[in-house]
């Protein structure tokens, strides 16, 4: 607790950073979907155009389901 600001919660009293938690959960979901694509033989294939996703892109973003041209966002 900050002695100059008694209402400031100490580290043990702060809620977890939900933004970081949401990001980690999203990344985990991407990896789980990538594993499903490995199982069904579609890993490395763009879900938008059916083209091949470059190896360099897959190394940088193993969970991606889109080629660089069709990456959402």
C-alpha atoms as a PDB file:
ATOM      1  CA  UNK A   1       0.000   0.000   0.000  1.00  0.00           C
ATOM      2  CA  UNK A   2       1.267   3.458  -0.851  1.00  0.00           C
ATOM      3  CA  UNK A   3       1.516   5.389   2.440  1.00  0.00           C
ATOM      4  CA  UNK A   4       0.813   8.647   0.603  1.00  0.00           C
ATOM      5  CA  UNK A   5      -2.289   7.144  -1.047  1.00  0.00           C
ATOM      6  CA  UNK A   6      -3.883   4.744   1.449  1.00  0.00           C
ATOM      7  CA  UNK A   7      -6.695   3.858  -0.971  1.00  0.00           C
ATOM      8  CA  UNK A   8      -4.214   2.406  -3.511  1.00  0.00           C
ATOM      9  CA  UNK A   9      -4.415  -1.381  -3.261  1.00  0.00           C
ATOM     10  CA  UNK A  10      -1.196  -3.280  -2.604  1.00  0.00           C
ATOM     11  CA  UNK A  11       0.059  -5.942  -5.051  1.00  0.00           C
ATOM     12  CA  UNK A  12      -1.747  -8.793  -3.273  1.00  0.00           C
ATOM     13  CA  UNK A  13      -5.030  -6.866  -3.341  1.00  0.00           C
ATOM     14  CA  UNK A  14      -5.047  -6.009  -7.067  1.00  0.00           C
ATOM     15  CA  UNK A  15      -7.227  -8.068  -9.396  1.00  0.00           C
ATOM     16  CA  UNK A  16      -5.385  -9.937 -12.162  1.00  0.00           C
ATOM     17  CA  UNK A  17      -4.858  -8.006 -15.370  1.00  0.00           C
ATOM     18  CA  UNK A  18      -7.792  -9.247 -17.404  1.00  0.00           C
ATOM     19  CA  UNK A  19      -6.366  -7.801 -20.612  1.00  0.00           C
ATOM     20  CA  UNK A  20      -3.306 -10.053 -20.382  1.00  0.00           C
ATOM     21  CA  UNK A  21      -5.480 -13.017 -19.415  1.00  0.00           C
ATOM     22  CA  UNK A  22      -7.762 -12.464 -22.417  1.00  0.00           C
ATOM     23  CA  UNK A  23      -4.740 -12.226 -24.739  1.00  0.00           C
ATOM     24  CA  UNK A  24      -3.239 -15.462 -23.409  1.00  0.00           C
ATOM     25  CA  UNK A  25      -6.587 -17.246 -23.709  1.00  0.00           C
ATOM     26  CA  UNK A  26      -6.924 -16.032 -27.303  1.00  0.00           C
ATOM     27  CA  UNK A  27      -3.416 -17.256 -28.152  1.00  0.00           C
ATOM     28  CA  UNK A  28      -4.160 -20.628 -26.554  1.00  0.00           C
ATOM     29  CA  UNK A  29      -7.348 -20.940 -28.630  1.00  0.00           C
ATOM     30  CA  UNK A  30      -5.324 -20.136 -31.789  1.00  0.00           C
ATOM     31  CA  UNK A  31      -2.845 -22.895 -30.942  1.00  0.00           C
ATOM     32  CA  UNK A  32      -5.641 -25.387 -30.229  1.00  0.00           C
ATOM     33  CA  UNK A  33      -7.243 -24.602 -33.605  1.00  0.00           C
ATOM     34  CA  UNK A  34      -3.838 -24.960 -35.295  1.00  0.00           C
ATOM     35  CA  UNK A  35      -3.452 -28.409 -33.726  1.00  0.00           C
ATOM     36  CA  UNK A  36      -6.894 -29.351 -35.067  1.00  0.00           C
ATOM     37  CA  UNK A  37      -5.784 -28.214 -38.542  1.00  0.00           C
ATOM     38  CA  UNK A  38      -2.654 -30.373 -38.179  1.00  0.00           C
ATOM     39  CA  UNK A  39      -4.873 -33.355 -37.362  1.00  0.00           C
ATOM     40  CA  UNK A  40      -7.195 -32.806 -40.329  1.00  0.00           C
ATOM     41  CA  UNK A  41      -4.396 -31.977 -42.774  1.00  0.00           C
ATOM     42  CA  UNK A  42      -5.264 -28.327 -43.393  1.00  0.00           C
ATOM     43  CA  UNK A  43      -2.479 -26.702 -41.371  1.00  0.00           C
ATOM     44  CA  UNK A  44      -0.580 -24.251 -43.559  1.00  0.00           C
ATOM     45  CA  UNK A  45      -3.556 -23.683 -45.858  1.00  0.00           C
ATOM     46  CA  UNK A  46      -5.240 -20.268 -45.844  1.00  0.00           C
ATOM     47  CA  UNK A  47      -8.842 -20.579 -44.701  1.00  0.00           C
ATOM     48  CA  UNK A  48      -9.867 -17.655 -46.897  1.00  0.00           C
ATOM     49  CA  UNK A  49      -8.341 -18.542 -50.272  1.00  0.00           C
ATOM     50  CA  UNK A  50      -7.086 -22.112 -49.884  1.00  0.00           C
ATOM     51  CA  UNK A  51      -3.555 -21.035 -50.805  1.00  0.00           C
ATOM     52  CA  UNK A  52      -0.395 -22.070 -49.025  1.00  0.00           C
ATOM     53  CA  UNK A  53       0.689 -20.010 -46.017  1.00  0.00           C
ATOM     54  CA  UNK A  54       4.398 -19.188 -46.300  1.00  0.00           C
ATOM     55  CA  UNK A  55       6.701 -21.104 -43.937  1.00  0.00           C
ATOM     56  CA  UNK A  56       8.183 -17.808 -42.731  1.00  0.00           C
ATOM     57  CA  UNK A  57       4.715 -16.632 -41.675  1.00  0.00           C
ATOM     58  CA  UNK A  58       3.967 -19.937 -39.943  1.00  0.00           C
ATOM     59  CA  UNK A  59       7.254 -19.718 -38.038  1.00  0.00           C
ATOM     60  CA  UNK A  60       6.414 -16.188 -36.899  1.00  0.00           C
ATOM     61  CA  UNK A  61       2.753 -16.986 -36.126  1.00  0.00           C
ATOM     62  CA  UNK A  62       2.269 -20.759 -35.783  1.00  0.00           C
ATOM     63  CA  UNK A  63      -1.413 -20.350 -34.920  1.00  0.00           C
ATOM     64  CA  UNK A  64      -2.319 -18.358 -38.028  1.00  0.00           C
ATOM     65  CA  UNK A  65      -5.012 -19.696 -40.334  1.00  0.00           C
ATOM     66  CA  UNK A  66      -4.591 -17.071 -43.053  1.00  0.00           C
ATOM     67  CA  UNK A  67      -1.981 -16.047 -45.577  1.00  0.00           C
ATOM     68  CA  UNK A  68      -0.612 -12.517 -45.210  1.00  0.00           C
ATOM     69  CA  UNK A  69      -3.001 -11.252 -47.898  1.00  0.00           C
ATOM     70  CA  UNK A  70      -6.104 -12.462 -46.056  1.00  0.00           C
ATOM     71  CA  UNK A  71      -5.080 -11.915 -42.431  1.00  0.00           C
ATOM     72  CA  UNK A  72      -8.035 -10.245 -40.682  1.00  0.00           C
ATOM     73  CA  UNK A  73      -7.540  -7.049 -38.775  1.00  0.00           C
END
